[in-house]
Amino acid sequence: MQYMAAVLLTRAKEIRDDGSIVEIVIWELPEPLVPSTHRYKYRLYYGVAGRSRVRYDNERGKVDHRHVGDQESEYLFSSVEQLLADFQSDVERWE
């Protein structure tokens, strides 16, 4: 069996005039990262002065989730496009 490597779909970082940072990293994996059922590994971040305001991520052993301020909640992943739209919506609400 040949190993299929992860594919970087996007990596972007924006430092805004107000000093806030938006960073998006999304990988497509050869197989789901348990317990996820989709094949994406992602980290979406919005913060300022070293403090996270909005963060979406997934990791091995933990369900997809998001952080808004100090609150963490499960995130129901449906597609990369919806993930980006939901993240953008949360960033806009924070601003």
Protein backbone atom coordinates (compact mmCIF):
# COMPACT_ATOMS: atom_id res chain seq x y z
CA MET A 1 0.00 0.00 0.00
CA GLN A 2 1.36 3.40 -0.95
CA TYR A 3 1.06 6.29 1.50
CA MET A 4 -0.81 9.37 0.30
CA ALA A 5 0.54 12.58 1.80
CA ALA A 6 -1.61 15.37 3.17
CA VAL A 7 -2.24 18.22 0.72
CA LEU A 8 -2.09 21.83 1.84
CA LEU A 9 -5.23 23.51 0.49
CA THR A 10 -4.62 26.97 1.88
CA ARG A 11 -2.30 28.86 4.17
CA ALA A 12 -2.86 32.58 4.61
CA LYS A 13 -1.98 35.12 7.26
CA GLU A 14 -3.14 38.72 7.38
CA ILE A 15 -1.93 41.30 9.88
CA ARG A 16 -4.45 44.10 9.87
CA ASP A 17 -3.89 47.81 10.48
CA ASP A 18 -5.32 47.52 14.00
CA GLY A 19 -2.74 44.82 14.84
CA SER A 20 -5.21 41.94 14.74
CA ILE A 21 -4.22 38.73 12.98
CA VAL A 22 -6.30 36.42 10.81
CA GLU A 23 -4.66 33.10 9.95
CA ILE A 24 -6.15 30.20 8.00
CA VAL A 25 -4.51 26.81 7.45
CA ILE A 26 -6.41 23.89 5.89
CA TRP A 27 -5.03 20.49 4.89
CA GLU A 28 -6.75 17.64 3.06
CA LEU A 29 -5.77 14.33 4.64
CA PRO A 30 -5.66 10.87 3.11
CA GLU A 31 -8.10 9.69 5.81
CA PRO A 32 -10.16 11.33 8.59
CA LEU A 33 -8.46 12.51 11.75
CA VAL A 34 -10.30 10.46 14.39
CA PRO A 35 -12.94 11.19 15.70
CA SER A 36 -13.76 13.39 12.66
CA THR A 37 -15.51 11.77 9.71
CA HIS A 38 -14.17 14.26 7.13
CA ARG A 39 -10.65 14.40 5.69
CA TYR A 40 -9.65 17.93 6.66
CA LYS A 41 -7.29 19.27 9.31
CA TYR A 42 -7.73 22.96 9.92
CA ARG A 43 -6.77 25.88 12.10
CA LEU A 44 -8.52 29.23 11.69
CA TYR A 45 -7.50 32.03 14.03
CA TYR A 46 -8.47 35.63 14.71
CA GLY A 47 -6.85 37.48 17.57
CA VAL A 48 -5.06 40.58 18.74
CA ALA A 49 -2.18 41.24 21.14
CA GLY A 50 -1.64 37.51 21.67
CA ARG A 51 -5.25 36.91 22.72
CA SER A 52 -7.46 34.60 20.71
CA ARG A 53 -10.85 36.06 19.86
CA VAL A 54 -12.12 33.41 17.42
CA ARG A 55 -10.53 30.04 16.67
CA TYR A 56 -11.79 26.98 14.81
CA ASP A 57 -9.74 23.79 14.87
CA ASN A 58 -9.69 20.04 15.05
CA GLU A 59 -7.14 17.63 16.41
CA ARG A 60 -6.72 13.93 16.91
CA GLY A 61 -8.90 12.65 19.74
CA LYS A 62 -11.09 15.76 19.92
CA VAL A 63 -14.18 16.69 17.92
CA ASP A 64 -14.28 19.68 15.60
CA HIS A 65 -14.70 22.75 17.77
CA ARG A 66 -14.57 26.51 17.91
CA HIS A 67 -13.55 29.05 20.49
CA VAL A 68 -15.23 32.44 20.67
CA GLY A 69 -13.66 34.50 23.43
CA ASP A 70 -13.31 32.17 26.41
CA GLN A 71 -16.12 29.85 25.29
CA GLU A 72 -15.45 26.55 23.52
CA SER A 73 -18.20 24.65 21.71
CA GLU A 74 -18.48 21.71 19.34
CA TYR A 75 -18.55 22.66 15.66
CA LEU A 76 -20.58 20.64 13.16
CA PHE A 77 -18.33 20.49 10.08
CA SER A 78 -20.18 20.18 6.77
CA SER A 79 -17.76 21.57 4.15
CA VAL A 80 -14.65 23.72 3.82
CA GLU A 81 -16.75 26.48 2.25
CA GLN A 82 -19.17 26.50 5.20
CA LEU A 83 -16.26 26.42 7.68
CA LEU A 84 -14.79 29.56 6.08
CA ALA A 85 -18.20 31.29 6.01
CA ASP A 86 -18.88 30.48 9.68
CA PHE A 87 -15.42 31.67 10.71
CA GLN A 88 -15.83 34.93 8.76
CA SER A 89 -19.24 35.48 10.35
CA ASP A 90 -17.82 35.06 13.87
CA VAL A 91 -14.93 37.41 13.09
CA GLU A 92 -17.33 40.05 11.77
CA ARG A 93 -19.53 39.75 14.88
CA TRP A 94 -16.48 40.23 17.11
CA GLU A 95 -15.33 43.32 15.22
